[in-house]
Protein backbone atom coordinates (compact mmCIF):
# COMPACT_ATOMS: atom_id res chain seq x y z
CA MET A 1 -0.08 0.01 0.01
CA GLU A 2 2.91 2.35 0.88
CA LYS A 3 4.60 1.45 -2.28
CA ARG A 4 1.42 2.25 -4.18
CA SER A 5 1.04 5.50 -2.40
CA SER A 6 4.74 6.54 -3.20
CA LYS A 7 4.19 5.76 -6.95
CA LEU A 8 0.92 7.82 -6.92
CA LYS A 9 2.64 10.72 -5.16
CA ALA A 10 5.41 10.63 -7.84
CA ARG A 11 2.75 10.47 -10.56
CA PHE A 12 1.11 13.55 -8.94
CA LEU A 13 4.25 15.51 -8.11
CA VAL A 14 6.48 15.20 -11.16
CA PRO A 15 3.98 16.22 -14.04
CA SER A 16 2.50 18.90 -11.73
CA VAL A 17 5.81 20.42 -10.91
CA ILE A 18 6.76 20.34 -14.56
CA GLY A 19 3.48 22.12 -15.35
CA ILE A 20 4.11 24.82 -12.70
CA ILE A 21 7.60 25.37 -14.15
CA LEU A 22 6.30 25.73 -17.69
CA PHE A 23 3.15 27.77 -17.00
CA MET A 24 3.53 29.57 -13.74
CA ILE A 25 7.26 30.47 -12.85
CA PRO A 26 8.38 33.74 -14.34
CA VAL A 27 11.72 33.75 -16.11
CA LYS A 28 13.69 36.44 -17.72
CA TYR A 29 14.24 35.84 -21.46
CA ASN A 30 15.83 38.38 -23.81
CA GLY A 31 15.43 41.09 -21.20
CA ASP A 32 11.65 40.47 -20.65
CA TRP A 33 9.88 38.56 -17.93
CA THR A 34 7.71 35.76 -19.28
CA VAL A 35 7.00 32.03 -18.77
CA ALA A 36 8.62 28.95 -20.32
CA VAL A 37 5.59 28.10 -22.49
CA LYS A 38 5.60 31.54 -24.07
CA ILE A 39 9.34 31.13 -24.66
CA LEU A 40 8.73 27.77 -26.45
CA ALA A 41 6.01 29.43 -28.55
CA ASP A 42 8.25 32.38 -29.41
CA ILE A 43 11.21 29.97 -30.46
CA ILE A 44 8.94 27.89 -32.63
CA GLY A 45 7.12 30.87 -34.04
CA GLY A 46 10.54 32.34 -34.85
CA ALA A 47 11.62 29.14 -36.56
CA LEU A 48 8.38 28.86 -38.61
CA GLY A 49 8.38 32.51 -39.51
CA SER A 50 6.69 33.24 -42.74
CA VAL A 51 4.79 29.85 -42.65
CA LEU A 52 2.52 31.07 -39.79
CA PRO A 53 0.20 33.32 -41.83
CA ILE A 54 -0.65 30.63 -44.36
CA LEU A 55 -0.99 28.14 -41.49
CA CYS A 56 -3.71 30.54 -39.96
CA VAL A 57 -5.40 30.82 -43.28
CA ILE A 58 -5.52 27.03 -43.74
CA ILE A 59 -6.86 26.45 -40.20
CA ILE A 60 -9.60 29.12 -40.51
CA THR A 61 -10.56 27.86 -44.00
CA ILE A 62 -10.91 24.34 -42.76
CA SER A 63 -12.98 25.56 -39.81
CA ALA A 64 -15.37 27.46 -42.00
CA VAL A 65 -15.85 24.65 -44.50
CA MET A 66 -16.25 21.94 -41.81
CA SER A 67 -18.65 24.14 -39.74
CA LEU A 68 -20.81 24.72 -42.84
CA ILE A 69 -20.83 20.89 -43.39
CA GLY A 70 -21.54 20.46 -39.71
CA LEU A 71 -24.80 22.34 -40.01
CA ALA A 72 -26.15 19.16 -41.74
CA LYS A 73 -24.86 17.09 -38.89
CA PRO A 74 -23.33 14.31 -41.03
CA LYS A 75 -22.42 11.05 -39.08
CA PHE A 76 -18.66 11.31 -39.62
CA ILE A 77 -18.74 14.47 -37.65
CA THR A 78 -21.40 13.80 -35.01
CA ASP A 79 -19.96 10.27 -34.24
CA HIS A 80 -16.45 11.68 -33.66
CA PRO A 81 -16.14 13.54 -30.16
CA ILE A 82 -13.36 15.93 -31.20
CA LEU A 83 -14.92 16.72 -34.64
CA SER A 84 -18.35 17.14 -33.06
CA ASP A 85 -17.12 19.39 -30.26
CA THR A 86 -15.08 21.46 -32.77
CA PHE A 87 -17.21 21.83 -35.76
CA ILE A 88 -20.94 21.56 -34.50
CA ALA A 89 -21.75 25.23 -33.83
CA ALA A 90 -24.78 27.43 -33.69
CA PRO A 91 -25.71 29.08 -37.01
CA LEU A 92 -24.53 32.48 -35.79
CA TRP A 93 -21.07 31.23 -34.99
CA VAL A 94 -20.91 29.40 -38.30
CA ILE A 95 -21.52 32.77 -40.05
CA VAL A 96 -18.76 34.38 -37.83
CA ARG A 97 -16.31 31.62 -38.86
CA VAL A 98 -17.13 32.11 -42.53
CA LEU A 99 -16.67 35.78 -42.14
CA GLY A 100 -13.32 35.24 -40.52
CA CYS A 101 -12.39 33.08 -43.51
CA VAL A 102 -13.35 35.74 -45.88
CA PHE A 103 -11.39 38.37 -43.95
CA VAL A 104 -8.30 36.19 -43.55
CA TRP A 105 -8.11 35.39 -47.30
CA LEU A 106 -8.64 39.09 -48.30
CA THR A 107 -5.81 40.07 -45.80
CA TYR A 108 -3.47 37.33 -46.76
CA LEU A 109 -3.76 37.87 -50.51
CA GLY A 110 -3.63 41.61 -49.98
CA ILE A 111 -6.66 42.30 -52.11
CA ASP A 112 -7.29 46.07 -52.04
CA ALA A 113 -10.14 46.73 -54.27
CA GLY A 114 -8.04 47.99 -57.28
CA ASP A 115 -5.61 50.03 -55.21
CA ASP A 116 -8.47 52.17 -54.04
CA GLU A 117 -7.04 53.18 -50.51
CA GLU A 118 -10.51 54.55 -49.55
CA GLY A 119 -12.22 51.25 -50.43
CA PHE A 120 -13.90 49.06 -47.80
CA ILE A 121 -11.86 46.02 -48.68
CA HIS A 122 -8.75 48.07 -48.29
CA MET A 123 -9.92 49.12 -44.76
CA ILE A 124 -10.27 45.42 -43.93
CA THR A 125 -6.87 44.33 -45.18
CA GLU A 126 -4.83 47.24 -43.97
CA GLY A 127 -2.28 46.91 -41.10
CA ALA A 128 -4.53 48.58 -38.57
CA ALA A 129 -7.40 46.06 -39.04
CA GLY A 130 -7.25 42.61 -40.66
CA GLY A 131 -3.40 43.02 -41.20
CA PHE A 132 -2.88 43.54 -37.41
CA VAL A 133 -5.09 40.59 -36.49
CA LEU A 134 -3.46 38.29 -38.80
CA GLY A 135 0.10 39.38 -38.70
CA ASP A 136 0.42 40.31 -35.01
CA LEU A 137 -2.20 38.39 -33.23
CA LEU A 138 -3.06 35.17 -34.95
CA THR A 139 0.40 34.28 -35.71
CA VAL A 140 1.18 34.41 -32.07
CA LEU A 141 -1.98 32.67 -30.88
CA VAL A 142 -1.74 29.78 -33.27
CA ILE A 143 1.55 28.68 -31.64
CA ILE A 144 0.51 29.41 -28.06
CA PHE A 145 -2.68 27.45 -28.61
CA ALA A 146 -0.63 24.45 -29.95
CA ILE A 147 2.07 24.45 -27.31
CA ALA A 148 -0.14 25.32 -24.31
CA GLY A 149 -2.90 22.91 -25.57
CA LEU A 150 -0.61 20.05 -25.67
CA LEU A 151 1.04 20.73 -22.37
CA LEU A 152 -2.09 21.72 -20.41
CA PRO A 153 -2.78 18.30 -19.27
CA LEU A 154 0.22 18.67 -16.92
CA LEU A 155 -1.89 21.09 -14.91
CA LEU A 156 -5.09 19.33 -15.42
CA ASP A 157 -4.68 15.53 -15.30
CA PHE A 158 -2.44 14.68 -12.39
CA GLY A 159 -4.08 16.25 -9.35
CA LEU A 160 -2.68 19.72 -9.11
CA LEU A 161 -5.97 21.53 -9.31
CA GLU A 162 -7.63 19.16 -6.69
CA PHE A 163 -4.64 19.72 -4.37
CA ILE A 164 -4.62 23.53 -4.71
CA GLY A 165 -8.43 23.61 -4.60
CA ALA A 166 -8.59 21.93 -1.20
CA LEU A 167 -5.82 24.28 0.22
CA LEU A 168 -7.26 27.45 -1.00
CA THR A 169 -10.97 27.11 -1.01
CA LYS A 170 -11.17 28.93 2.37
CA ILE A 171 -9.57 32.04 0.71
CA MET A 172 -10.81 31.99 -2.80
CA ARG A 173 -14.47 31.22 -1.96
CA PRO A 174 -15.24 33.93 0.63
CA VAL A 175 -13.05 36.61 -1.07
CA PHE A 176 -13.64 35.93 -4.78
CA LYS A 177 -16.68 33.58 -4.63
CA ILE A 178 -14.88 30.92 -6.74
CA PRO A 179 -13.35 27.56 -6.09
CA GLY A 180 -9.77 27.22 -4.61
CA ARG A 181 -8.54 25.47 -7.73
CA ALA A 182 -9.19 28.67 -9.65
CA ALA A 183 -6.09 30.02 -8.08
CA VAL A 184 -4.16 28.02 -10.78
CA ASP A 185 -6.05 29.79 -13.47
CA CYS A 186 -5.38 33.14 -11.87
CA VAL A 187 -1.57 32.70 -11.51
CA THR A 188 -1.39 31.13 -15.01
CA SER A 189 -3.10 34.20 -16.57
CA TRP A 190 -1.38 36.78 -14.48
CA ILE A 191 2.18 35.59 -15.01
CA GLY A 192 1.83 33.89 -18.27
CA ASP A 193 -0.94 35.08 -20.67
CA GLY A 194 -4.71 35.71 -20.48
CA THR A 195 -5.40 33.33 -23.33
CA LEU A 196 -3.85 30.46 -21.29
CA GLY A 197 -6.28 31.26 -18.43
CA VAL A 198 -9.18 31.25 -20.81
CA MET A 199 -8.19 27.85 -22.16
CA LEU A 200 -7.84 26.48 -18.59
CA THR A 201 -11.18 27.96 -17.52
CA CYS A 202 -13.07 26.52 -20.66
CA ASN A 203 -11.57 23.03 -20.02
CA GLN A 204 -12.62 22.96 -16.36
CA TYR A 205 -16.16 24.38 -17.22
CA GLU A 206 -16.72 21.80 -19.93
CA GLY A 207 -15.45 19.07 -17.52
CA GLY A 208 -18.05 20.10 -14.85
CA TYR A 209 -15.57 21.37 -12.37
CA TYR A 210 -16.75 24.98 -12.57
CA SER A 211 -20.44 26.16 -12.51
CA ALA A 212 -21.66 28.62 -15.12
CA ARG A 213 -21.31 31.47 -12.68
CA GLU A 214 -17.78 30.46 -11.49
CA ALA A 215 -16.48 29.94 -15.05
CA SER A 216 -17.93 33.34 -16.11
CA VAL A 217 -16.23 35.07 -13.10
CA ILE A 218 -12.91 33.45 -13.64
CA ALA A 219 -12.79 34.16 -17.40
CA THR A 220 -13.85 37.77 -17.15
CA THR A 221 -12.04 38.61 -13.82
CA PHE A 222 -8.79 36.54 -13.69
CA SER A 223 -7.81 36.07 -17.23
CA ALA A 224 -5.31 38.80 -16.65
CA VAL A 225 -2.97 40.68 -18.93
CA SER A 226 0.56 39.33 -18.59
CA ILE A 227 3.49 41.14 -17.10
CA THR A 228 5.04 41.18 -20.54
CA PHE A 229 2.15 43.05 -22.12
CA SER A 230 2.00 45.47 -19.20
CA ILE A 231 5.51 46.47 -20.03
CA VAL A 232 4.58 46.86 -23.78
CA VAL A 233 1.72 49.22 -22.85
CA LEU A 234 3.84 51.39 -20.47
CA SER A 235 6.62 51.55 -23.02
CA GLN A 236 4.15 52.70 -25.73
CA VAL A 237 3.48 55.88 -23.68
CA ASP A 238 7.15 56.20 -22.95
CA MET A 239 6.94 55.92 -19.16
CA MET A 240 8.96 52.82 -18.26
CA GLN A 241 10.62 54.66 -15.36
CA TYR A 242 7.24 54.29 -13.43
CA PHE A 243 7.00 50.51 -13.98
CA GLY A 244 7.25 49.64 -10.26
CA VAL A 245 4.40 51.67 -9.06
CA TYR A 246 2.52 51.13 -12.27
CA TYR A 247 2.36 47.34 -11.83
CA ILE A 248 1.60 47.69 -8.04
CA ILE A 249 -1.46 49.69 -9.06
CA ILE A 250 -2.47 47.16 -11.72
CA CYS A 251 -2.41 44.40 -9.04
CA LEU A 252 -4.35 46.61 -6.64
CA VAL A 253 -7.02 47.35 -9.21
CA GLY A 254 -7.10 43.72 -10.34
CA ILE A 255 -7.87 42.52 -6.81
CA ALA A 256 -10.48 45.24 -6.23
CA CYS A 257 -12.27 44.32 -9.49
CA ALA A 258 -12.12 40.54 -8.59
CA ILE A 259 -13.76 41.34 -5.27
CA ILE A 260 -16.47 43.81 -6.48
CA VAL A 261 -17.47 42.66 -10.05
CA PRO A 262 -18.63 39.02 -9.14
CA ARG A 263 -20.93 40.60 -6.62
CA ILE A 264 -22.81 42.83 -9.04
CA PRO A 265 -24.87 42.09 -12.24
CA PRO A 266 -24.49 40.51 -14.68
CA LEU A 267 -21.99 38.03 -13.00
CA SER A 268 -23.98 37.95 -9.77
CA MET A 269 -27.03 36.79 -11.80
CA LYS A 270 -25.26 33.74 -13.24
CA LYS A 271 -26.54 30.38 -12.10
CA ASP A 272 -24.44 27.66 -10.37
CA THR A 273 -25.35 25.13 -12.91
CA TYR A 274 -22.87 22.59 -14.44
CA MET A 275 -22.26 21.19 -17.83
CA VAL A 276 -21.44 17.90 -16.24
CA GLU A 277 -23.02 17.12 -12.81
CA GLY A 278 -21.09 15.60 -9.90
CA LYS A 279 -17.53 16.67 -10.84
CA ALA A 280 -17.22 19.75 -8.57
CA MET A 281 -15.21 19.42 -5.44
CA PRO A 282 -17.03 19.68 -2.07
CA GLU A 283 -16.48 22.98 -0.18
CA THR A 284 -16.01 21.44 3.19
CA ILE A 285 -13.45 18.79 4.27
CA PRO A 286 -15.17 15.40 4.86
CA GLU A 287 -14.67 13.49 8.15
CA GLY A 288 -11.56 11.31 8.42
CA TYR A 289 -9.12 13.88 7.18
CA LYS A 290 -6.60 15.79 9.42
CA GLY A 291 -7.03 18.97 7.42
CA SER A 292 -7.11 20.66 4.03
CA TYR A 293 -3.63 19.38 3.13
CA ASP A 294 -4.46 15.72 3.89
CA TYR A 295 -7.75 16.10 2.02
CA GLY A 296 -6.09 17.82 -0.95
CA MET A 297 -3.39 15.15 -1.24
CA SER A 298 -6.10 12.41 -1.17
CA LEU A 299 -7.93 14.06 -3.95
CA ALA A 300 -4.75 14.62 -5.98
CA LEU A 301 -3.69 10.96 -5.60
CA ASP A 302 -7.10 9.73 -6.70
CA LYS A 303 -6.94 11.94 -9.73
CA ALA A 304 -3.39 10.69 -10.48
CA ALA A 305 -4.61 7.12 -10.19
CA GLU A 306 -7.04 7.79 -13.06
CA PHE A 307 -4.22 8.55 -15.52
CA LYS A 308 -4.11 5.87 -18.24
CA GLY A 309 -0.85 6.63 -19.86
CA ILE A 310 0.87 8.81 -22.54
CA GLY A 311 -1.86 8.10 -25.06
CA GLN A 312 -4.49 9.68 -22.96
CA PHE A 313 -2.16 12.71 -22.29
CA LEU A 314 -1.63 13.18 -25.98
CA GLN A 315 -5.27 12.82 -26.74
CA ASN A 316 -6.27 15.36 -24.15
CA GLY A 317 -3.59 17.72 -25.34
CA MET A 318 -4.69 17.39 -29.00
CA LYS A 319 -8.26 17.95 -27.99
CA ASN A 320 -7.29 21.28 -26.36
CA ALA A 321 -5.20 22.47 -29.14
CA VAL A 322 -7.62 21.49 -31.94
CA GLY A 323 -10.60 23.13 -30.12
CA MET A 324 -8.61 26.42 -29.79
CA TRP A 325 -7.30 26.32 -33.40
CA PHE A 326 -10.50 25.59 -35.32
CA GLY A 327 -12.96 27.01 -32.82
CA VAL A 328 -11.31 30.19 -31.74
CA LEU A 329 -8.93 31.53 -34.35
CA PRO A 330 -11.66 32.09 -37.07
CA ASN A 331 -13.70 34.04 -34.48
CA VAL A 332 -10.79 36.20 -33.35
CA MET A 333 -10.07 37.02 -36.99
CA ALA A 334 -13.75 38.04 -37.61
CA ILE A 335 -14.56 39.83 -34.33
CA GLY A 336 -11.09 41.46 -33.95
CA THR A 337 -11.18 42.84 -37.59
CA ILE A 338 -14.75 44.21 -37.17
CA ALA A 339 -13.82 45.90 -33.88
CA LEU A 340 -10.76 47.48 -35.30
CA LEU A 341 -12.63 48.65 -38.39
CA LEU A 342 -15.18 50.41 -36.17
CA ALA A 343 -12.38 51.91 -34.01
CA ASN A 344 -10.30 53.18 -36.99
CA ASN A 345 -13.07 54.37 -39.34
CA THR A 346 -16.10 55.51 -37.32
CA PRO A 347 -16.68 57.88 -34.40
CA ILE A 348 -18.53 55.36 -32.54
CA PHE A 349 -16.00 55.06 -29.66
CA ASP A 350 -15.57 58.80 -29.55
CA ILE A 351 -19.31 59.08 -28.96
CA LEU A 352 -19.39 56.04 -26.48
CA GLY A 353 -16.55 57.67 -24.55
CA LYS A 354 -18.39 61.02 -23.78
CA PRO A 355 -20.38 59.65 -20.81
CA PHE A 356 -16.97 59.27 -19.15
CA MET A 357 -16.32 62.99 -19.33
CA PRO A 358 -18.24 63.95 -16.08
CA LEU A 359 -16.31 61.22 -14.11
CA LEU A 360 -12.95 62.20 -15.59
CA ASP A 361 -13.68 65.96 -14.85
CA LEU A 362 -14.81 64.97 -11.29
CA LEU A 363 -11.51 63.07 -10.90
CA GLN A 364 -9.66 66.15 -12.17
CA VAL A 365 -7.85 64.20 -15.00
CA PRO A 366 -6.04 66.59 -17.40
CA GLU A 367 -7.05 66.48 -21.04
CA ALA A 368 -10.25 64.70 -20.10
CA ALA A 369 -11.79 65.07 -23.57
CA GLU A 370 -8.86 63.22 -25.20
CA ALA A 371 -8.72 60.62 -22.35
CA SER A 372 -12.47 59.92 -22.74
CA LYS A 373 -11.86 58.65 -26.35
CA THR A 374 -9.52 55.89 -24.99
CA MET A 375 -12.01 54.52 -22.40
CA ILE A 376 -14.26 52.57 -24.73
CA VAL A 377 -11.92 51.86 -27.60
CA GLY A 378 -10.11 49.39 -25.19
CA PHE A 379 -13.09 47.05 -25.68
CA THR A 380 -11.76 46.39 -29.27
CA ASP A 381 -8.09 45.97 -28.71
CA MET A 382 -5.63 46.05 -25.79
CA LEU A 383 -3.01 48.32 -27.30
CA THR A 384 -5.13 50.98 -29.02
CA PRO A 385 -5.78 53.13 -25.90
CA ALA A 386 -1.97 53.47 -25.33
CA ILE A 387 -1.37 54.22 -29.05
CA LEU A 388 -4.07 56.96 -28.97
CA ALA A 389 -2.65 58.41 -25.76
CA SER A 390 0.89 58.54 -27.00
CA GLU A 391 -0.24 60.44 -30.12
CA ALA A 392 -2.98 62.79 -28.67
CA ILE A 393 -2.24 63.34 -24.95
CA THR A 394 0.65 65.38 -23.52
CA SER A 395 -0.07 65.11 -19.79
CA MET A 396 2.11 62.58 -18.10
CA MET A 397 -0.63 61.97 -15.51
CA THR A 398 -3.24 61.21 -18.09
CA LYS A 399 -0.92 59.00 -20.09
CA PHE A 400 -0.19 56.97 -16.94
CA ILE A 401 -3.87 56.70 -16.10
CA VAL A 402 -4.70 55.50 -19.61
CA ALA A 403 -1.87 53.01 -19.50
CA VAL A 404 -3.15 51.54 -16.19
CA VAL A 405 -6.77 51.44 -17.21
CA SER A 406 -6.08 49.96 -20.64
CA VAL A 407 -4.52 47.00 -18.85
CA THR A 408 -7.14 46.50 -15.92
CA GLN A 409 -10.07 46.68 -18.33
CA LEU A 410 -9.10 43.26 -19.27
CA ILE A 411 -11.76 42.21 -21.80
CA TYR A 412 -10.63 42.91 -25.38
CA LEU A 413 -12.61 41.54 -28.21
CA SER A 414 -9.43 41.13 -30.33
CA GLU A 415 -8.01 38.66 -27.75
CA VAL A 416 -9.63 37.54 -24.38
CA GLY A 417 -13.13 38.82 -25.21
CA GLY A 418 -13.01 37.01 -28.55
CA LEU A 419 -11.79 33.85 -26.95
CA ILE A 420 -14.64 33.96 -24.38
CA LEU A 421 -17.27 34.63 -27.04
CA ALA A 422 -15.91 31.84 -29.27
CA SER A 423 -15.93 29.28 -26.40
CA LYS A 424 -18.66 27.42 -24.53
CA LEU A 425 -18.50 29.81 -21.60
CA PRO A 426 -21.94 31.21 -20.90
CA VAL A 427 -21.07 34.91 -21.38
CA LYS A 428 -22.82 37.10 -24.10
CA LEU A 429 -21.43 39.98 -25.85
CA TRP A 430 -23.62 42.60 -24.08
CA GLU A 431 -22.52 41.02 -20.80
CA LEU A 432 -18.93 41.34 -21.66
CA PHE A 433 -19.44 45.07 -22.44
CA ILE A 434 -21.14 45.77 -19.24
CA ILE A 435 -18.31 43.93 -17.25
CA PHE A 436 -15.88 45.99 -19.30
CA ILE A 437 -17.60 49.30 -18.20
CA GLU A 438 -17.62 48.15 -14.58
CA ARG A 439 -13.92 47.39 -14.57
CA THR A 440 -13.27 50.64 -16.28
CA ILE A 441 -15.18 52.68 -13.68
CA ILE A 442 -13.50 50.80 -10.74
CA SER A 443 -10.11 51.26 -12.32
CA LEU A 444 -10.53 55.05 -12.75
CA LEU A 445 -11.81 55.46 -9.12
CA ILE A 446 -8.67 53.85 -7.84
CA VAL A 447 -5.94 54.92 -10.17
CA CYS A 448 -6.86 58.60 -10.53
CA PRO A 449 -6.46 59.64 -6.83
CA ILE A 450 -3.15 57.67 -6.77
CA ALA A 451 -1.93 59.42 -10.03
CA HIS A 452 -2.60 62.80 -8.41
CA LEU A 453 -0.20 61.84 -5.55
CA ILE A 454 2.51 60.63 -8.01
CA PHE A 455 2.40 63.60 -10.43
């Protein structure tokens, strides 16, 4: 029995420690702080180079064609679990995937409507819209999805979430209203990348470990912007000398949003229903265990005992990667391009930003009119507010405020927001927008008074 226990402990500990090292331990690489999974993705992405755009085109094309076929529900798709999960989609999402296919081909081929730089097709394919989504976003996501998807079972399949869940439920549940196991999602997102956190949350929700409310809270509240991107935003407004206090404020605002937003609509109105019943961990320690550590270790060893070998590991990893490739990339291409088209070519975000003027004036933010234009545009893309601030705002205080808020807003349609909408997570577009507004207001109320003390 002791021998079996030692083997199970090794089966739990070795893969889990490797997963923690790959996904959660920050390392410095080429002068930037990141995680090992992102380094692997960057190395592979650099080696593949010019192949990545056509790879994205092929993936999105296959997704659109197979999803159209899937509308008829042929047996070769419905009888195959991975094909069914990937290509059987609601008609609306099939349309979105087809639209993503159209956009990606127009962008890849550089079709510009007869060199008419004012033409609509040119607006789609230019570097600030479709060109950005394909060249700067999808070519990164396609590798991250592959590497992270294949390696994600290290965190999922060997008992780490069960162990962490038992240890941290007493903290995570009362403070953030989510299970203790969500701490792994949080750290993975915060240190690594928000897309990794969404992947992990989707997996746990579809497996029945998170309820609809818990999954919605975790995806919209804890799929944080990585340290690396925070540096990119601050450097965009040329204020890297303030990085220390900048990142402390981001963490402070992030914690405040994580406490407040789940307690107000629309997240507070979500139901605790499960896609798969009976998988969620109990919130109390059953009798017969000495404490949360003893209970967590027991759960972890039970999970490790279920592992059936490398074949199961590869199958689970492939399912993760395929689902993200064919289910998410087309939607990011479609939603991200449309969002950037609206931001770049219409006054809609200027108009939507005007309601923030009274709040910005009340908080005595310099150049409030220019700052207001950056508030809503962040819903489309994570970097656009900082770009607008660097071009149109002269006040150091206002630039700093915009840099903080653009990171703590969190939900961007071109990345995390698009991933959430493309997944099976029970969050609608209008709910994402309301959560985005709530996070923006909370962020402003915290960062503006602090910014007055700094500048």
